[in-house]
């Protein structure tokens, strides 16, 4: 019977936390040269604001957006902007003004460019 040898490669990961002018509670996990960012953008919530900025540029198609815990669908609920440092909420099935109130939160995850 053939023998299968499994090797588990241990990689170093670094976790940093902080804040920026765009977001709070930034968690940066670096693994094997890639940086995975989690960020709270709630302080950008304002009446009629539909454009939100991330603290770092992100790789195209890596952005995930959550409003009050609900994951939004890319190209349906939001669009990545060309600068890859922001995104725009699209017309949602529910009223944005009702969804984005003072006690609401917007959380994003992405791969840093």
C-alpha atoms as a PDB file:
ATOM      1  CA  UNK A   1       0.000   0.000   0.000  1.00  0.00           C
ATOM      2  CA  UNK A   2       1.424   3.456  -0.903  1.00  0.00           C
ATOM      3  CA  UNK A   3       2.482   5.779   1.868  1.00  0.00           C
ATOM      4  CA  UNK A   4       1.342   9.400   1.876  1.00  0.00           C
ATOM      5  CA  UNK A   5       3.446  11.898   3.756  1.00  0.00           C
ATOM      6  CA  UNK A   6       1.758  15.111   4.816  1.00  0.00           C
ATOM      7  CA  UNK A   7       3.830  18.130   5.658  1.00  0.00           C
ATOM      8  CA  UNK A   8       2.284  21.023   7.495  1.00  0.00           C
ATOM      9  CA  UNK A   9       4.032  24.282   6.766  1.00  0.00           C
ATOM     10  CA  UNK A  10       3.931  26.734   9.613  1.00  0.00           C
ATOM     11  CA  UNK A  11       3.803  30.326   8.414  1.00  0.00           C
ATOM     12  CA  UNK A  12       4.366  33.429  10.438  1.00  0.00           C
ATOM     13  CA  UNK A  13       1.409  35.706  10.804  1.00  0.00           C
ATOM     14  CA  UNK A  14       1.320  39.188  12.248  1.00  0.00           C
ATOM     15  CA  UNK A  15      -1.775  40.821  13.680  1.00  0.00           C
ATOM     16  CA  UNK A  16      -1.929  44.592  14.096  1.00  0.00           C
ATOM     17  CA  UNK A  17      -4.812  46.723  15.302  1.00  0.00           C
ATOM     18  CA  UNK A  18      -5.444  50.440  14.985  1.00  0.00           C
ATOM     19  CA  UNK A  19      -7.537  53.285  13.600  1.00  0.00           C
ATOM     20  CA  UNK A  20      -7.361  55.751  10.727  1.00  0.00           C
ATOM     21  CA  UNK A  21      -9.325  58.730   9.471  1.00  0.00           C
ATOM     22  CA  UNK A  22     -11.458  56.294   7.432  1.00  0.00           C
ATOM     23  CA  UNK A  23     -12.111  53.541   9.946  1.00  0.00           C
ATOM     24  CA  UNK A  24     -11.803  52.256  13.479  1.00  0.00           C
ATOM     25  CA  UNK A  25     -10.971  48.849  14.851  1.00  0.00           C
ATOM     26  CA  UNK A  26      -8.700  48.022  11.935  1.00  0.00           C
ATOM     27  CA  UNK A  27      -7.328  44.507  12.189  1.00  0.00           C
ATOM     28  CA  UNK A  28      -4.491  43.658   9.808  1.00  0.00           C
ATOM     29  CA  UNK A  29      -3.534  39.986   9.610  1.00  0.00           C
ATOM     30  CA  UNK A  30      -0.478  39.311   7.452  1.00  0.00           C
ATOM     31  CA  UNK A  31       0.066  35.757   6.271  1.00  0.00           C
ATOM     32  CA  UNK A  32       2.632  34.765   3.692  1.00  0.00           C
ATOM     33  CA  UNK A  33       2.967  38.281   2.296  1.00  0.00           C
ATOM     34  CA  UNK A  34      -0.790  38.955   2.007  1.00  0.00           C
ATOM     35  CA  UNK A  35      -2.533  41.411   4.334  1.00  0.00           C
ATOM     36  CA  UNK A  36      -6.141  40.694   5.246  1.00  0.00           C
ATOM     37  CA  UNK A  37      -7.880  43.801   6.610  1.00  0.00           C
ATOM     38  CA  UNK A  38     -11.041  44.025   8.726  1.00  0.00           C
ATOM     39  CA  UNK A  39     -12.315  47.537   9.351  1.00  0.00           C
ATOM     40  CA  UNK A  40     -15.263  49.333  10.953  1.00  0.00           C
ATOM     41  CA  UNK A  41     -16.396  52.253   8.745  1.00  0.00           C
ATOM     42  CA  UNK A  42     -19.371  53.234  10.920  1.00  0.00           C
ATOM     43  CA  UNK A  43     -18.001  56.702  11.656  1.00  0.00           C
ATOM     44  CA  UNK A  44     -18.575  57.554   7.970  1.00  0.00           C
ATOM     45  CA  UNK A  45     -22.349  57.052   8.283  1.00  0.00           C
ATOM     46  CA  UNK A  46     -24.090  60.353   7.547  1.00  0.00           C
ATOM     47  CA  UNK A  47     -27.399  61.359   5.970  1.00  0.00           C
ATOM     48  CA  UNK A  48     -27.347  60.752   2.204  1.00  0.00           C
ATOM     49  CA  UNK A  49     -23.773  59.378   2.267  1.00  0.00           C
ATOM     50  CA  UNK A  50     -23.474  56.405  -0.109  1.00  0.00           C
ATOM     51  CA  UNK A  51     -19.697  56.505  -0.726  1.00  0.00           C
ATOM     52  CA  UNK A  52     -17.435  54.934   1.898  1.00  0.00           C
ATOM     53  CA  UNK A  53     -13.636  55.005   2.028  1.00  0.00           C
ATOM     54  CA  UNK A  54     -11.353  52.222   3.207  1.00  0.00           C
ATOM     55  CA  UNK A  55      -8.076  52.961   4.961  1.00  0.00           C
ATOM     56  CA  UNK A  56      -6.055  51.048   2.365  1.00  0.00           C
ATOM     57  CA  UNK A  57      -6.348  50.180  -1.303  1.00  0.00           C
ATOM     58  CA  UNK A  58      -7.832  46.728  -1.802  1.00  0.00           C
ATOM     59  CA  UNK A  59      -7.385  44.059  -4.449  1.00  0.00           C
ATOM     60  CA  UNK A  60     -10.197  44.087  -6.977  1.00  0.00           C
ATOM     61  CA  UNK A  61     -13.042  41.702  -6.058  1.00  0.00           C
ATOM     62  CA  UNK A  62     -11.709  41.101  -2.538  1.00  0.00           C
ATOM     63  CA  UNK A  63     -14.003  43.639  -0.815  1.00  0.00           C
ATOM     64  CA  UNK A  64     -16.782  42.314   1.424  1.00  0.00           C
ATOM     65  CA  UNK A  65     -19.275  44.793   2.932  1.00  0.00           C
ATOM     66  CA  UNK A  66     -21.583  44.198   5.901  1.00  0.00           C
ATOM     67  CA  UNK A  67     -24.303  46.561   7.165  1.00  0.00           C
ATOM     68  CA  UNK A  68     -25.615  45.692  10.616  1.00  0.00           C
ATOM     69  CA  UNK A  69     -24.267  42.170  10.120  1.00  0.00           C
ATOM     70  CA  UNK A  70     -25.970  41.642   6.758  1.00  0.00           C
ATOM     71  CA  UNK A  71     -23.507  40.789   3.973  1.00  0.00           C
ATOM     72  CA  UNK A  72     -24.056  42.853   0.843  1.00  0.00           C
ATOM     73  CA  UNK A  73     -23.593  41.422  -2.649  1.00  0.00           C
ATOM     74  CA  UNK A  74     -20.908  42.947  -4.866  1.00  0.00           C
ATOM     75  CA  UNK A  75     -22.265  44.558  -8.057  1.00  0.00           C
ATOM     76  CA  UNK A  76     -25.816  44.198  -6.690  1.00  0.00           C
ATOM     77  CA  UNK A  77     -25.754  46.120  -3.401  1.00  0.00           C
ATOM     78  CA  UNK A  78     -22.442  47.983  -3.818  1.00  0.00           C
ATOM     79  CA  UNK A  79     -19.813  48.763  -6.448  1.00  0.00           C
ATOM     80  CA  UNK A  80     -16.064  48.921  -5.986  1.00  0.00           C
ATOM     81  CA  UNK A  81     -14.880  52.348  -7.131  1.00  0.00           C
ATOM     82  CA  UNK A  82     -12.067  52.682  -9.647  1.00  0.00           C
ATOM     83  CA  UNK A  83      -9.643  54.039  -7.032  1.00  0.00           C
ATOM     84  CA  UNK A  84      -9.938  50.721  -5.115  1.00  0.00           C
ATOM     85  CA  UNK A  85      -9.950  52.769  -1.943  1.00  0.00           C
ATOM     86  CA  UNK A  86     -13.713  53.273  -1.724  1.00  0.00           C
ATOM     87  CA  UNK A  87     -17.063  51.784  -2.668  1.00  0.00           C
ATOM     88  CA  UNK A  88     -20.537  53.095  -3.437  1.00  0.00           C
ATOM     89  CA  UNK A  89     -23.769  51.653  -2.088  1.00  0.00           C
ATOM     90  CA  UNK A  90     -26.336  50.998  -4.773  1.00  0.00           C
ATOM     91  CA  UNK A  91     -30.088  51.353  -4.442  1.00  0.00           C
ATOM     92  CA  UNK A  92     -31.038  48.610  -2.017  1.00  0.00           C
ATOM     93  CA  UNK A  93     -34.404  46.875  -1.762  1.00  0.00           C
ATOM     94  CA  UNK A  94     -34.798  48.569   1.590  1.00  0.00           C
ATOM     95  CA  UNK A  95     -34.595  52.263   2.360  1.00  0.00           C
ATOM     96  CA  UNK A  96     -30.942  53.229   2.922  1.00  0.00           C
ATOM     97  CA  UNK A  97     -31.882  56.078   5.252  1.00  0.00           C
ATOM     98  CA  UNK A  98     -33.749  53.623   7.460  1.00  0.00           C
ATOM     99  CA  UNK A  99     -30.907  51.098   7.343  1.00  0.00           C
ATOM    100  CA  UNK A 100     -28.063  53.561   7.943  1.00  0.00           C
ATOM    101  CA  UNK A 101     -29.005  55.278  11.170  1.00  0.00           C
ATOM    102  CA  UNK A 102     -26.820  56.623  13.964  1.00  0.00           C
ATOM    103  CA  UNK A 103     -26.755  53.256  15.756  1.00  0.00           C
ATOM    104  CA  UNK A 104     -25.945  51.288  12.580  1.00  0.00           C
ATOM    105  CA  UNK A 105     -22.556  49.922  11.636  1.00  0.00           C
ATOM    106  CA  UNK A 106     -20.669  49.187   8.425  1.00  0.00           C
ATOM    107  CA  UNK A 107     -17.916  46.612   8.544  1.00  0.00           C
ATOM    108  CA  UNK A 108     -15.630  45.655   5.634  1.00  0.00           C
ATOM    109  CA  UNK A 109     -13.076  42.941   4.950  1.00  0.00           C
ATOM    110  CA  UNK A 110     -10.592  42.975   2.085  1.00  0.00           C
ATOM    111  CA  UNK A 111      -7.124  42.033   0.899  1.00  0.00           C
ATOM    112  CA  UNK A 112      -4.763  44.985   1.000  1.00  0.00           C
ATOM    113  CA  UNK A 113      -3.176  45.874  -2.335  1.00  0.00           C
END
